[in-house]
C-alpha atoms as a PDB file:
ATOM      1  CA  UNK A   1     124.459  20.766 164.645  1.00  0.00           C
ATOM      2  CA  UNK A   2     124.080  22.554 161.132  1.00  0.00           C
ATOM      3  CA  UNK A   3     126.658  20.600 159.605  1.00  0.00           C
ATOM      4  CA  UNK A   4     125.344  17.592 160.391  1.00  0.00           C
ATOM      5  CA  UNK A   5     121.456  18.693 159.488  1.00  0.00           C
ATOM      6  CA  UNK A   6     122.387  19.435 156.036  1.00  0.00           C
ATOM      7  CA  UNK A   7     125.157  16.769 155.722  1.00  0.00           C
ATOM      8  CA  UNK A   8     123.493  14.408 153.461  1.00  0.00           C
ATOM      9  CA  UNK A   9     122.658  17.107 150.734  1.00  0.00           C
ATOM     10  CA  UNK A  10     126.648  18.892 151.407  1.00  0.00           C
ATOM     11  CA  UNK A  11     127.276  15.111 149.584  1.00  0.00           C
ATOM     12  CA  UNK A  12     125.697  16.506 146.662  1.00  0.00           C
ATOM     13  CA  UNK A  13     126.172  20.158 145.968  1.00  0.00           C
ATOM     14  CA  UNK A  14     129.668  20.706 148.412  1.00  0.00           C
ATOM     15  CA  UNK A  15     130.201  23.519 150.539  1.00  0.00           C
ATOM     16  CA  UNK A  16     130.173  25.774 148.512  1.00  0.00           C
ATOM     17  CA  UNK A  17     127.178  25.010 147.089  1.00  0.00           C
ATOM     18  CA  UNK A  18     125.636  24.537 150.294  1.00  0.00           C
ATOM     19  CA  UNK A  19     127.108  28.246 151.429  1.00  0.00           C
ATOM     20  CA  UNK A  20     124.796  29.732 147.997  1.00  0.00           C
ATOM     21  CA  UNK A  21     121.864  28.567 149.536  1.00  0.00           C
ATOM     22  CA  UNK A  22     122.617  29.739 152.890  1.00  0.00           C
ATOM     23  CA  UNK A  23     122.895  33.420 151.305  1.00  0.00           C
ATOM     24  CA  UNK A  24     119.444  33.045 149.029  1.00  0.00           C
ATOM     25  CA  UNK A  25     116.294  34.748 149.841  1.00  0.00           C
ATOM     26  CA  UNK A  26     113.347  33.002 148.179  1.00  0.00           C
ATOM     27  CA  UNK A  27     110.375  34.219 147.574  1.00  0.00           C
ATOM     28  CA  UNK A  28     107.000  31.852 147.426  1.00  0.00           C
ATOM     29  CA  UNK A  29     104.518  33.612 145.318  1.00  0.00           C
ATOM     30  CA  UNK A  30     101.468  31.670 146.174  1.00  0.00           C
ATOM     31  CA  UNK A  31     101.464  28.993 149.631  1.00  0.00           C
ATOM     32  CA  UNK A  32      98.841  26.976 148.392  1.00  0.00           C
ATOM     33  CA  UNK A  33      99.785  23.504 147.284  1.00  0.00           C
ATOM     34  CA  UNK A  34     102.283  23.812 144.762  1.00  0.00           C
ATOM     35  CA  UNK A  35     103.594  26.780 147.561  1.00  0.00           C
ATOM     36  CA  UNK A  36     104.007  24.490 150.464  1.00  0.00           C
ATOM     37  CA  UNK A  37     105.536  22.016 149.210  1.00  0.00           C
ATOM     38  CA  UNK A  38     108.264  23.952 147.505  1.00  0.00           C
ATOM     39  CA  UNK A  39     108.671  26.060 150.898  1.00  0.00           C
ATOM     40  CA  UNK A  40     108.739  23.425 153.054  1.00  0.00           C
ATOM     41  CA  UNK A  41     111.595  21.753 150.243  1.00  0.00           C
ATOM     42  CA  UNK A  42     113.372  24.938 150.855  1.00  0.00           C
ATOM     43  CA  UNK A  43     113.787  25.014 154.205  1.00  0.00           C
ATOM     44  CA  UNK A  44     114.580  21.275 154.229  1.00  0.00           C
ATOM     45  CA  UNK A  45     118.227  22.810 152.353  1.00  0.00           C
ATOM     46  CA  UNK A  46     117.890  25.662 155.165  1.00  0.00           C
ATOM     47  CA  UNK A  47     117.752  28.058 151.955  1.00  0.00           C
ATOM     48  CA  UNK A  48     118.786  31.660 154.218  1.00  0.00           C
ATOM     49  CA  UNK A  49     115.498  33.555 153.914  1.00  0.00           C
ATOM     50  CA  UNK A  50     112.229  33.032 152.744  1.00  0.00           C
ATOM     51  CA  UNK A  51     109.327  35.068 152.192  1.00  0.00           C
ATOM     52  CA  UNK A  52     105.820  33.684 151.685  1.00  0.00           C
ATOM     53  CA  UNK A  53     103.147  36.023 149.502  1.00  0.00           C
ATOM     54  CA  UNK A  54      99.422  35.734 149.846  1.00  0.00           C
ATOM     55  CA  UNK A  55      96.514  36.920 150.689  1.00  0.00           C
ATOM     56  CA  UNK A  56      94.705  33.537 151.278  1.00  0.00           C
ATOM     57  CA  UNK A  57      93.700  32.177 154.339  1.00  0.00           C
ATOM     58  CA  UNK A  58      92.935  28.043 155.228  1.00  0.00           C
ATOM     59  CA  UNK A  59      90.054  26.145 153.786  1.00  0.00           C
ATOM     60  CA  UNK A  60      88.752  22.823 154.595  1.00  0.00           C
ATOM     61  CA  UNK A  61      89.470  21.734 150.787  1.00  0.00           C
ATOM     62  CA  UNK A  62      92.516  23.549 150.582  1.00  0.00           C
ATOM     63  CA  UNK A  63      93.816  20.195 153.338  1.00  0.00           C
ATOM     64  CA  UNK A  64      94.229  16.964 150.017  1.00  0.00           C
ATOM     65  CA  UNK A  65      97.405  18.821 149.011  1.00  0.00           C
ATOM     66  CA  UNK A  66      98.552  22.054 151.640  1.00  0.00           C
ATOM     67  CA  UNK A  67     101.007  19.912 153.423  1.00  0.00           C
ATOM     68  CA  UNK A  68     101.838  22.775 156.116  1.00  0.00           C
ATOM     69  CA  UNK A  69      97.925  23.338 157.045  1.00  0.00           C
ATOM     70  CA  UNK A  70      95.671  21.162 159.509  1.00  0.00           C
ATOM     71  CA  UNK A  71      91.879  21.074 159.997  1.00  0.00           C
ATOM     72  CA  UNK A  72      92.796  23.448 163.325  1.00  0.00           C
ATOM     73  CA  UNK A  73      94.358  26.522 161.344  1.00  0.00           C
ATOM     74  CA  UNK A  74      90.871  26.605 158.951  1.00  0.00           C
ATOM     75  CA  UNK A  75      90.289  30.263 158.713  1.00  0.00           C
ATOM     76  CA  UNK A  76      93.905  31.888 159.540  1.00  0.00           C
ATOM     77  CA  UNK A  77      95.965  33.660 157.061  1.00  0.00           C
ATOM     78  CA  UNK A  78      98.207  30.357 155.143  1.00  0.00           C
ATOM     79  CA  UNK A  79     101.280  33.055 155.581  1.00  0.00           C
ATOM     80  CA  UNK A  80     101.118  33.311 159.137  1.00  0.00           C
ATOM     81  CA  UNK A  81     100.433  29.519 159.170  1.00  0.00           C
ATOM     82  CA  UNK A  82     103.024  28.546 156.573  1.00  0.00           C
ATOM     83  CA  UNK A  83     105.604  30.885 158.420  1.00  0.00           C
ATOM     84  CA  UNK A  84     105.100  28.761 162.144  1.00  0.00           C
ATOM     85  CA  UNK A  85     105.244  25.652 160.668  1.00  0.00           C
ATOM     86  CA  UNK A  86     108.685  26.426 158.934  1.00  0.00           C
ATOM     87  CA  UNK A  87     110.471  28.114 161.394  1.00  0.00           C
ATOM     88  CA  UNK A  88     109.393  25.180 164.075  1.00  0.00           C
ATOM     89  CA  UNK A  89     110.839  22.975 161.033  1.00  0.00           C
ATOM     90  CA  UNK A  90     114.078  25.039 160.612  1.00  0.00           C
ATOM     91  CA  UNK A  91     114.648  27.703 162.951  1.00  0.00           C
ATOM     92  CA  UNK A  92     117.759  28.005 160.604  1.00  0.00           C
ATOM     93  CA  UNK A  93     115.790  29.504 157.770  1.00  0.00           C
ATOM     94  CA  UNK A  94     114.891  33.390 158.130  1.00  0.00           C
ATOM     95  CA  UNK A  95     110.744  33.580 157.370  1.00  0.00           C
ATOM     96  CA  UNK A  96     108.863  36.405 156.696  1.00  0.00           C
ATOM     97  CA  UNK A  97     104.922  36.434 156.006  1.00  0.00           C
ATOM     98  CA  UNK A  98     103.360  38.788 153.851  1.00  0.00           C
ATOM     99  CA  UNK A  99      99.451  39.152 153.701  1.00  0.00           C
ATOM    100  CA  UNK A 100      98.784  40.771 150.049  1.00  0.00           C
ATOM    101  CA  UNK A 101      97.882  40.153 146.785  1.00  0.00           C
ATOM    102  CA  UNK A 102     100.619  40.897 144.311  1.00  0.00           C
ATOM    103  CA  UNK A 103      99.520  43.704 142.033  1.00  0.00           C
ATOM    104  CA  UNK A 104     100.628  45.768 139.555  1.00  0.00           C
ATOM    105  CA  UNK A 105     101.149  48.707 141.772  1.00  0.00           C
ATOM    106  CA  UNK A 106     103.001  46.760 144.199  1.00  0.00           C
ATOM    107  CA  UNK A 107     104.919  44.091 142.669  1.00  0.00           C
ATOM    108  CA  UNK A 108     107.739  45.534 142.156  1.00  0.00           C
ATOM    109  CA  UNK A 109     108.781  46.789 145.383  1.00  0.00           C
ATOM    110  CA  UNK A 110     107.492  43.116 146.611  1.00  0.00           C
ATOM    111  CA  UNK A 111     110.177  41.250 144.777  1.00  0.00           C
ATOM    112  CA  UNK A 112     113.142  43.423 145.252  1.00  0.00           C
ATOM    113  CA  UNK A 113     113.994  42.151 147.720  1.00  0.00           C
ATOM    114  CA  UNK A 114     114.015  38.355 146.752  1.00  0.00           C
ATOM    115  CA  UNK A 115     116.810  36.255 144.412  1.00  0.00           C
ATOM    116  CA  UNK A 116     114.759  33.634 142.885  1.00  0.00           C
ATOM    117  CA  UNK A 117     111.045  34.020 142.776  1.00  0.00           C
ATOM    118  CA  UNK A 118     109.377  30.951 142.525  1.00  0.00           C
ATOM    119  CA  UNK A 119     105.932  29.647 141.296  1.00  0.00           C
ATOM    120  CA  UNK A 120     102.855  28.538 144.032  1.00  0.00           C
ATOM    121  CA  UNK A 121      99.982  30.735 142.414  1.00  0.00           C
ATOM    122  CA  UNK A 122      96.801  29.482 140.880  1.00  0.00           C
ATOM    123  CA  UNK A 123      95.676  31.954 138.163  1.00  0.00           C
ATOM    124  CA  UNK A 124      97.744  32.859 134.932  1.00  0.00           C
ATOM    125  CA  UNK A 125      97.247  36.828 135.133  1.00  0.00           C
ATOM    126  CA  UNK A 126      98.948  36.733 138.628  1.00  0.00           C
ATOM    127  CA  UNK A 127     102.336  34.659 136.623  1.00  0.00           C
ATOM    128  CA  UNK A 128     102.461  36.894 133.670  1.00  0.00           C
ATOM    129  CA  UNK A 129     103.165  40.185 136.307  1.00  0.00           C
ATOM    130  CA  UNK A 130     104.803  38.305 138.189  1.00  0.00           C
ATOM    131  CA  UNK A 131     106.848  37.132 135.182  1.00  0.00           C
ATOM    132  CA  UNK A 132     106.690  40.764 134.164  1.00  0.00           C
ATOM    133  CA  UNK A 133     108.238  42.257 137.353  1.00  0.00           C
ATOM    134  CA  UNK A 134     111.064  39.827 137.769  1.00  0.00           C
ATOM    135  CA  UNK A 135     112.622  40.204 134.343  1.00  0.00           C
ATOM    136  CA  UNK A 136     112.780  43.474 134.192  1.00  0.00           C
ATOM    137  CA  UNK A 137     114.424  43.223 137.498  1.00  0.00           C
ATOM    138  CA  UNK A 138     116.739  40.750 136.216  1.00  0.00           C
ATOM    139  CA  UNK A 139     115.512  38.229 138.799  1.00  0.00           C
ATOM    140  CA  UNK A 140     115.216  34.132 137.807  1.00  0.00           C
ATOM    141  CA  UNK A 141     111.419  33.068 138.102  1.00  0.00           C
ATOM    142  CA  UNK A 142     110.987  29.317 138.382  1.00  0.00           C
ATOM    143  CA  UNK A 143     107.139  28.918 136.500  1.00  0.00           C
ATOM    144  CA  UNK A 144     105.445  25.565 138.163  1.00  0.00           C
ATOM    145  CA  UNK A 145     101.508  24.785 137.443  1.00  0.00           C
ATOM    146  CA  UNK A 146      99.622  22.079 137.759  1.00  0.00           C
ATOM    147  CA  UNK A 147      96.345  20.671 136.624  1.00  0.00           C
ATOM    148  CA  UNK A 148      95.240  17.272 136.855  1.00  0.00           C
ATOM    149  CA  UNK A 149      97.974  14.875 136.356  1.00  0.00           C
ATOM    150  CA  UNK A 150     100.028  17.341 134.390  1.00  0.00           C
ATOM    151  CA  UNK A 151     102.008  19.452 135.296  1.00  0.00           C
ATOM    152  CA  UNK A 152     105.293  21.699 133.841  1.00  0.00           C
ATOM    153  CA  UNK A 153     108.333  23.977 135.502  1.00  0.00           C
ATOM    154  CA  UNK A 154     110.174  26.644 133.122  1.00  0.00           C
ATOM    155  CA  UNK A 155     112.699  28.467 134.377  1.00  0.00           C
ATOM    156  CA  UNK A 156     112.098  32.294 133.092  1.00  0.00           C
ATOM    157  CA  UNK A 157     116.451  33.547 133.232  1.00  0.00           C
ATOM    158  CA  UNK A 158     116.897  37.362 132.405  1.00  0.00           C
ATOM    159  CA  UNK A 159     119.432  37.980 129.892  1.00  0.00           C
ATOM    160  CA  UNK A 160     119.744  34.116 129.193  1.00  0.00           C
ATOM    161  CA  UNK A 161     116.336  32.286 128.608  1.00  0.00           C
ATOM    162  CA  UNK A 162     112.694  33.270 126.802  1.00  0.00           C
ATOM    163  CA  UNK A 163     110.309  34.669 129.853  1.00  0.00           C
ATOM    164  CA  UNK A 164     107.223  32.935 130.395  1.00  0.00           C
ATOM    165  CA  UNK A 165     104.991  35.188 128.305  1.00  0.00           C
ATOM    166  CA  UNK A 166     106.755  33.983 125.222  1.00  0.00           C
ATOM    167  CA  UNK A 167     105.131  30.524 125.876  1.00  0.00           C
ATOM    168  CA  UNK A 168     101.906  31.579 126.235  1.00  0.00           C
ATOM    169  CA  UNK A 169      98.726  33.539 124.326  1.00  0.00           C
ATOM    170  CA  UNK A 170      99.387  36.986 123.559  1.00  0.00           C
ATOM    171  CA  UNK A 171      95.842  36.955 126.085  1.00  0.00           C
ATOM    172  CA  UNK A 172      95.561  35.051 129.327  1.00  0.00           C
ATOM    173  CA  UNK A 173      92.991  35.487 132.051  1.00  0.00           C
ATOM    174  CA  UNK A 174      89.765  34.907 132.589  1.00  0.00           C
ATOM    175  CA  UNK A 175      87.850  33.678 136.109  1.00  0.00           C
ATOM    176  CA  UNK A 176      89.603  31.788 138.441  1.00  0.00           C
ATOM    177  CA  UNK A 177      88.215  27.892 137.714  1.00  0.00           C
ATOM    178  CA  UNK A 178      88.899  25.075 140.761  1.00  0.00           C
ATOM    179  CA  UNK A 179      91.838  23.442 139.260  1.00  0.00           C
ATOM    180  CA  UNK A 180      91.733  19.809 139.709  1.00  0.00           C
ATOM    181  CA  UNK A 181      94.096  18.603 141.912  1.00  0.00           C
ATOM    182  CA  UNK A 182      96.052  15.589 143.918  1.00  0.00           C
ATOM    183  CA  UNK A 183      99.171  15.587 146.158  1.00  0.00           C
ATOM    184  CA  UNK A 184     101.456  13.306 144.410  1.00  0.00           C
ATOM    185  CA  UNK A 185     101.154  15.773 141.258  1.00  0.00           C
ATOM    186  CA  UNK A 186     101.454  18.754 143.340  1.00  0.00           C
ATOM    187  CA  UNK A 187     104.299  17.099 144.919  1.00  0.00           C
ATOM    188  CA  UNK A 188     106.207  16.203 142.227  1.00  0.00           C
ATOM    189  CA  UNK A 189     105.995  19.265 140.161  1.00  0.00           C
ATOM    190  CA  UNK A 190     107.462  21.810 143.279  1.00  0.00           C
ATOM    191  CA  UNK A 191     110.250  19.156 143.496  1.00  0.00           C
ATOM    192  CA  UNK A 192     111.141  19.688 139.997  1.00  0.00           C
ATOM    193  CA  UNK A 193     111.192  23.082 140.490  1.00  0.00           C
ATOM    194  CA  UNK A 194     113.068  23.349 143.134  1.00  0.00           C
ATOM    195  CA  UNK A 195     115.603  20.718 141.885  1.00  0.00           C
ATOM    196  CA  UNK A 196     115.735  22.850 138.846  1.00  0.00           C
ATOM    197  CA  UNK A 197     116.547  26.209 141.524  1.00  0.00           C
ATOM    198  CA  UNK A 198     119.125  24.021 143.393  1.00  0.00           C
ATOM    199  CA  UNK A 199     120.933  23.366 140.138  1.00  0.00           C
ATOM    200  CA  UNK A 200     120.778  27.140 139.000  1.00  0.00           C
ATOM    201  CA  UNK A 201     122.524  28.035 142.020  1.00  0.00           C
ATOM    202  CA  UNK A 202     125.146  26.133 143.352  1.00  0.00           C
ATOM    203  CA  UNK A 203     126.081  24.928 139.093  1.00  0.00           C
ATOM    204  CA  UNK A 204     125.686  21.304 140.241  1.00  0.00           C
ATOM    205  CA  UNK A 205     123.538  19.504 137.190  1.00  0.00           C
ATOM    206  CA  UNK A 206     122.243  21.232 134.438  1.00  0.00           C
ATOM    207  CA  UNK A 207     119.174  23.072 134.728  1.00  0.00           C
ATOM    208  CA  UNK A 208     116.558  23.085 132.420  1.00  0.00           C
ATOM    209  CA  UNK A 209     117.213  26.774 130.391  1.00  0.00           C
ATOM    210  CA  UNK A 210     115.073  27.412 127.330  1.00  0.00           C
ATOM    211  CA  UNK A 211     113.377  24.093 127.822  1.00  0.00           C
ATOM    212  CA  UNK A 212     109.590  23.668 129.281  1.00  0.00           C
ATOM    213  CA  UNK A 213     109.486  20.776 131.454  1.00  0.00           C
ATOM    214  CA  UNK A 214     106.323  19.258 130.697  1.00  0.00           C
ATOM    215  CA  UNK A 215     105.026  16.052 132.800  1.00  0.00           C
ATOM    216  CA  UNK A 216     102.535  13.824 132.442  1.00  0.00           C
ATOM    217  CA  UNK A 217     101.445  11.823 135.381  1.00  0.00           C
ATOM    218  CA  UNK A 218      99.425   9.310 133.642  1.00  0.00           C
ATOM    219  CA  UNK A 219     101.836   7.722 131.703  1.00  0.00           C
ATOM    220  CA  UNK A 220     104.815   9.267 133.822  1.00  0.00           C
ATOM    221  CA  UNK A 221     106.548  11.169 130.893  1.00  0.00           C
ATOM    222  CA  UNK A 222     108.201  13.712 131.222  1.00  0.00           C
ATOM    223  CA  UNK A 223     108.845  15.793 128.079  1.00  0.00           C
ATOM    224  CA  UNK A 224     111.639  18.985 127.358  1.00  0.00           C
ATOM    225  CA  UNK A 225     110.227  21.512 124.729  1.00  0.00           C
ATOM    226  CA  UNK A 226     112.547  23.794 123.550  1.00  0.00           C
ATOM    227  CA  UNK A 227     111.231  27.921 123.767  1.00  0.00           C
ATOM    228  CA  UNK A 228     112.171  30.805 121.295  1.00  0.00           C
ATOM    229  CA  UNK A 229     111.467  33.867 122.122  1.00  0.00           C
ATOM    230  CA  UNK A 230     108.901  35.303 120.678  1.00  0.00           C
ATOM    231  CA  UNK A 231     109.775  39.110 118.774  1.00  0.00           C
ATOM    232  CA  UNK A 232     106.411  41.168 119.868  1.00  0.00           C
ATOM    233  CA  UNK A 233     106.859  39.995 123.508  1.00  0.00           C
ATOM    234  CA  UNK A 234     106.186  42.853 125.550  1.00  0.00           C
ATOM    235  CA  UNK A 235     107.535  41.625 128.632  1.00  0.00           C
END
């Protein structure tokens, strides 16, 4: 039964590639719009374990793009509802909900059990924390971000690529803003991020190492921009 479930993508990644996915632990940092799509796609792939990290609860304004939730879930913790839905969808996947806000005090401990971290976050302060911690732990971090009809994906691989901080201003921050987003663009960027994860893990295809993938949803243009390490990068 398990083989039949994954038989279509075994034709793409092979039995060995599927085994690597099955043995993988992926931490999804944030289960909002991007994180919901990413977690769902990872469950489709049969990734062995998903660790869902978020401290937020579900609100009505989430439902235009956060596909793991329904109106009856409003007010409930995102990680708990997401974990339940993903287990219903694919019982093969071990799903661990972690309800907390990532901080400098807890991030190394939280990330330490992951093989890969994927970005479902909505603010740059936390992204920089994840980027630095993942780099220091030697864990690949797949960044994804969306605003309006623009999106980007970047693979920060310790020892192989510059970190995410290298391509950002020295200081990022400010208050969280309401980020404009629609489900098609969010799902597109999440799909690119998970597709890069598959290539990185299975060796099928060429992951965009050292390149920032930029998607323009207004024109459906995709550009890959070469990234150089910043000499004074604190990461």
